[in-house]
């Protein structure tokens, strides 16, 4: 009797199970190009009116003139005036605004997204150079780890890696870091501690710097690095004369 009952309801179970499965199967595939631009749809006048006050305020901020440059400040490696100015800006800000002098500074080359134009440099120009909200931090590193940190950015075949530093002069021979000299007069010692300004992205081991987890100490300043650059170029513009920066040989390739 039990066996008969099971067999009796088996067809019903099969039907219910099959009914729960979707019946969709791919029979064809293709694509259609849909162009989306300013002509794709008429402007929404009500939305434009709503956004206009915010746009005016944003334009006023972004169009503030910081300084005039007599030359274009291009992004390049192993050393360029722009890289040097940005890392110097970090050192200057930490000392003058935060009262935290550092031994050196480092900037992720890949985070410098573009250069600055010849002529007028505005706040909007700095946003193009540094569109990210990376924060300024200070790590205390043992000398041996500082060397490892610098060497991580030397001799890389990846386009977005290059050693961008301030407060030090380094010598590189055959893609090997052979010398580190601090501009504040300190001698490099692998057993001594040094303070390094950098972005929280790099300090948080972004891009492969996992060894920084063993830093001796860390200070978070809650200051966007972009604001550091804006302050720096604004100060450069106060005398009212165009800037004409050059390199200083802090990255020596031999």
Protein backbone atom coordinates (compact mmCIF):
# COMPACT_ATOMS: atom_id res chain seq x y z
CA UNK A 1 0.00 0.00 0.00
CA UNK A 2 2.85 2.39 0.86
CA UNK A 3 4.70 1.61 -2.36
CA UNK A 4 1.52 2.20 -4.40
CA UNK A 5 1.04 5.65 -2.83
CA UNK A 6 4.60 6.72 -3.67
CA UNK A 7 4.26 5.62 -7.29
CA UNK A 8 0.89 7.29 -7.58
CA UNK A 9 2.24 10.73 -6.67
CA UNK A 10 5.55 10.46 -8.57
CA UNK A 11 4.20 11.95 -11.87
CA UNK A 12 2.73 14.90 -9.92
CA UNK A 13 6.10 15.53 -8.24
CA UNK A 14 7.86 15.55 -11.63
CA UNK A 15 5.34 18.05 -13.02
CA UNK A 16 5.68 20.39 -10.05
CA UNK A 17 9.48 20.24 -10.09
CA UNK A 18 9.61 20.99 -13.80
CA UNK A 19 7.13 23.83 -13.45
CA UNK A 20 9.43 25.61 -10.96
CA UNK A 21 12.26 25.85 -13.48
CA UNK A 22 12.49 28.86 -15.81
CA UNK A 23 12.05 28.19 -19.47
CA UNK A 24 14.37 30.89 -20.83
CA UNK A 25 17.17 29.91 -23.20
CA UNK A 26 19.55 32.13 -25.16
CA UNK A 27 18.70 31.87 -28.85
CA UNK A 28 20.45 34.93 -30.27
CA UNK A 29 22.74 37.77 -29.25
CA UNK A 30 23.75 41.11 -30.68
CA UNK A 31 24.25 44.77 -29.84
CA UNK A 32 22.95 48.17 -30.77
CA UNK A 33 25.01 51.33 -30.38
CA UNK A 34 23.21 54.08 -28.50
CA UNK A 35 24.93 57.45 -28.68
CA UNK A 36 24.43 59.55 -25.56
CA UNK A 37 25.47 63.19 -25.80
CA UNK A 38 24.06 66.65 -25.28
CA UNK A 39 21.92 66.27 -28.39
CA UNK A 40 20.37 62.97 -27.34
CA UNK A 41 17.63 64.68 -25.35
CA UNK A 42 16.40 68.22 -24.85
CA UNK A 43 17.68 70.08 -21.81
CA UNK A 44 15.44 69.96 -18.77
CA UNK A 45 14.87 73.64 -18.10
CA UNK A 46 13.48 73.10 -14.61
CA UNK A 47 16.51 71.02 -13.60
CA UNK A 48 18.84 73.61 -15.13
CA UNK A 49 17.20 76.35 -13.06
CA UNK A 50 17.51 74.21 -9.93
CA UNK A 51 21.22 73.59 -10.48
CA UNK A 52 22.15 77.11 -11.59
CA UNK A 53 22.88 78.55 -8.10
CA UNK A 54 25.10 75.58 -7.26
CA UNK A 55 26.88 75.84 -10.61
CA UNK A 56 27.56 79.53 -10.08
CA UNK A 57 29.02 78.86 -6.64
CA UNK A 58 31.12 75.97 -7.97
CA UNK A 59 32.38 78.01 -10.92
CA UNK A 60 33.32 80.87 -8.62
CA UNK A 61 35.41 78.52 -6.47
CA UNK A 62 37.03 76.58 -9.30
CA UNK A 63 37.91 79.71 -11.29
CA UNK A 64 39.85 81.37 -8.47
CA UNK A 65 43.27 82.26 -9.85
CA UNK A 66 46.13 80.96 -7.71
CA UNK A 67 49.24 81.88 -9.68
CA UNK A 68 50.61 82.49 -13.16
CA UNK A 69 53.22 80.13 -14.57
CA UNK A 70 55.76 81.19 -17.18
CA UNK A 71 56.13 77.58 -18.32
CA UNK A 72 53.92 74.50 -18.58
CA UNK A 73 54.38 72.12 -15.66
CA UNK A 74 54.22 68.71 -17.26
CA UNK A 75 53.91 65.40 -15.46
CA UNK A 76 56.95 63.25 -16.24
CA UNK A 77 59.60 61.02 -14.70
CA UNK A 78 62.13 60.34 -13.27
CA UNK A 79 62.12 64.00 -12.14
CA UNK A 80 60.21 67.11 -13.15
CA UNK A 81 59.43 70.50 -11.66
CA UNK A 82 55.81 69.58 -10.99
CA UNK A 83 56.69 66.46 -8.99
CA UNK A 84 59.20 68.44 -6.94
CA UNK A 85 56.78 71.27 -6.23
CA UNK A 86 54.04 68.91 -5.04
CA UNK A 87 56.26 67.03 -2.61
CA UNK A 88 57.79 70.31 -1.40
CA UNK A 89 54.25 71.59 -0.83
CA UNK A 90 53.60 68.69 1.53
CA UNK A 91 56.70 69.46 3.58
CA UNK A 92 55.93 73.17 3.72
CA UNK A 93 52.31 72.66 4.76
CA UNK A 94 53.16 70.16 7.49
CA UNK A 95 55.71 72.52 9.01
CA UNK A 96 53.92 75.86 8.59
CA UNK A 97 50.27 74.89 9.05
CA UNK A 98 50.48 71.79 11.24
CA UNK A 99 53.67 72.38 13.18
CA UNK A 100 54.85 68.92 12.14
CA UNK A 101 58.19 69.13 10.31
CA UNK A 102 59.02 65.92 8.46
CA UNK A 103 62.27 64.49 7.18
CA UNK A 104 60.93 63.78 3.71
CA UNK A 105 57.81 63.41 1.61
CA UNK A 106 56.55 61.00 -1.00
CA UNK A 107 53.81 61.18 -3.60
CA UNK A 108 52.35 58.35 -5.62
CA UNK A 109 53.23 59.10 -9.26
CA UNK A 110 50.02 57.47 -10.45
CA UNK A 111 48.03 59.88 -8.28
CA UNK A 112 49.33 62.87 -10.26
CA UNK A 113 46.75 62.70 -13.01
CA UNK A 114 47.92 65.50 -15.29
CA UNK A 115 50.15 68.56 -15.51
CA UNK A 116 49.50 72.27 -15.09
CA UNK A 117 49.24 74.72 -17.98
CA UNK A 118 51.43 77.64 -18.89
CA UNK A 119 49.65 80.80 -17.84
CA UNK A 120 46.79 80.87 -15.37
CA UNK A 121 46.64 78.16 -12.72
CA UNK A 122 43.26 78.00 -10.99
CA UNK A 123 41.81 75.91 -8.20
CA UNK A 124 40.11 73.84 -10.89
CA UNK A 125 43.56 73.11 -12.35
CA UNK A 126 44.65 71.57 -9.04
CA UNK A 127 41.52 69.40 -8.99
CA UNK A 128 42.57 68.05 -12.39
CA UNK A 129 46.04 67.22 -11.05
CA UNK A 130 44.68 65.59 -7.88
CA UNK A 131 41.01 64.58 -8.31
CA UNK A 132 41.12 62.14 -5.39
CA UNK A 133 40.31 62.87 -1.75
CA UNK A 134 43.56 61.36 -0.48
CA UNK A 135 44.53 62.58 2.98
CA UNK A 136 47.92 63.73 4.26
CA UNK A 137 49.50 61.37 6.80
CA UNK A 138 52.90 61.02 8.43
CA UNK A 139 54.59 57.68 9.01
CA UNK A 140 57.63 57.09 11.14
CA UNK A 141 59.79 54.48 9.43
CA UNK A 142 63.00 52.79 10.42
CA UNK A 143 65.77 53.65 7.98
CA UNK A 144 65.87 50.14 6.56
CA UNK A 145 62.14 50.30 5.81
CA UNK A 146 62.48 53.78 4.30
CA UNK A 147 65.04 52.38 1.88
CA UNK A 148 62.73 49.48 1.07
CA UNK A 149 59.91 51.98 0.52
CA UNK A 150 61.93 54.08 -1.92
CA UNK A 151 63.29 51.01 -3.70
CA UNK A 152 59.73 49.82 -4.28
CA UNK A 153 59.29 52.73 -6.71
CA UNK A 154 62.68 52.43 -8.41
CA UNK A 155 63.25 50.46 -11.58
CA UNK A 156 59.61 49.57 -12.13
CA UNK A 157 58.42 48.71 -15.61
CA UNK A 158 54.91 49.82 -14.70
CA UNK A 159 54.17 53.22 -16.21
CA UNK A 160 52.41 54.59 -13.14
CA UNK A 161 55.33 53.93 -10.79
CA UNK A 162 58.19 56.32 -10.23
CA UNK A 163 60.00 57.74 -7.21
CA UNK A 164 58.53 61.17 -6.40
CA UNK A 165 60.10 62.60 -3.23
CA UNK A 166 60.87 65.78 -1.34
CA UNK A 167 63.39 66.49 1.40
CA UNK A 168 65.88 63.97 0.05
CA UNK A 169 68.32 63.51 -2.80
CA UNK A 170 68.74 59.99 -4.12
CA UNK A 171 71.15 58.33 -6.51
CA UNK A 172 70.02 55.46 -8.73
CA UNK A 173 72.47 53.28 -10.65
CA UNK A 174 71.24 50.53 -12.95
CA UNK A 175 67.77 50.74 -11.37
CA UNK A 176 69.28 50.27 -7.89
CA UNK A 177 69.00 52.89 -5.15
CA UNK A 178 72.58 53.53 -4.04
CA UNK A 179 72.37 56.69 -1.91
CA UNK A 180 69.88 58.65 0.22
CA UNK A 181 70.77 62.12 1.52
CA UNK A 182 68.38 64.28 3.56
CA UNK A 183 68.30 67.99 2.76
CA UNK A 184 67.74 68.85 6.44
CA UNK A 185 71.26 67.69 7.26
CA UNK A 186 70.40 64.33 8.77
CA UNK A 187 72.52 61.34 7.84
CA UNK A 188 70.83 58.22 6.58
CA UNK A 189 71.14 55.32 9.01
CA UNK A 190 69.21 52.08 8.47
CA UNK A 191 68.78 51.76 12.24
CA UNK A 192 67.41 55.27 12.88
CA UNK A 193 63.80 56.45 12.55
CA UNK A 194 62.63 59.04 10.01
CA UNK A 195 59.31 60.77 9.38
CA UNK A 196 57.74 60.59 5.93
CA UNK A 197 54.71 62.49 4.61
CA UNK A 198 52.57 60.56 2.16
CA UNK A 199 48.97 59.91 1.14
CA UNK A 200 46.70 57.71 3.19
CA UNK A 201 46.26 55.59 0.05
CA UNK A 202 49.93 54.60 0.08
CA UNK A 203 50.11 54.44 3.88
CA UNK A 204 47.14 52.07 3.85
CA UNK A 205 49.22 49.77 1.64
CA UNK A 206 47.55 50.77 -1.61
CA UNK A 207 49.46 49.72 -4.70
CA UNK A 208 51.43 46.96 -3.02
CA UNK A 209 53.20 48.65 -0.10
CA UNK A 210 52.00 46.04 2.40
CA UNK A 211 55.25 46.28 4.37
CA UNK A 212 54.16 49.71 5.66
CA UNK A 213 51.94 47.93 8.15
CA UNK A 214 55.11 47.62 10.25
CA UNK A 215 55.65 51.40 10.45
CA UNK A 216 56.88 52.62 13.84
CA UNK A 217 54.13 55.25 14.15
CA UNK A 218 51.43 57.06 12.18
CA UNK A 219 49.76 60.48 12.37
CA UNK A 220 46.56 61.31 10.51
CA UNK A 221 46.05 65.02 9.82
CA UNK A 222 42.59 64.85 8.17
CA UNK A 223 43.75 67.28 5.49
CA UNK A 224 43.15 66.48 1.80
CA UNK A 225 46.43 66.58 -0.11
CA UNK A 226 44.65 68.56 -2.81
CA UNK A 227 44.06 71.36 -0.26
CA UNK A 228 47.78 71.28 0.54
CA UNK A 229 48.57 71.94 -3.12
CA UNK A 230 45.98 74.72 -3.38
CA UNK A 231 47.48 76.47 -0.37
CA UNK A 232 50.98 76.10 -1.80
CA UNK A 233 50.19 77.60 -5.21
CA UNK A 234 48.10 80.34 -3.63
CA UNK A 235 51.13 81.38 -1.58
CA UNK A 236 53.32 81.29 -4.68
CA UNK A 237 50.91 83.69 -6.35
CA UNK A 238 50.90 86.32 -3.60
CA UNK A 239 53.95 88.24 -4.90
CA UNK A 240 52.10 88.70 -8.19
CA UNK A 241 54.95 87.42 -10.35
CA UNK A 242 54.82 84.39 -12.67
CA UNK A 243 56.61 81.31 -11.41
CA UNK A 244 59.29 79.57 -13.47
CA UNK A 245 60.24 76.41 -11.57
CA UNK A 246 62.99 74.02 -12.61
CA UNK A 247 64.32 70.69 -11.39
CA UNK A 248 67.04 70.53 -8.73
CA UNK A 249 68.59 67.11 -9.33
CA UNK A 250 67.05 65.36 -6.35
CA UNK A 251 66.65 62.24 -8.51
CA UNK A 252 70.08 61.41 -9.94
CA UNK A 253 70.20 58.62 -12.53
CA UNK A 254 73.72 57.31 -13.14
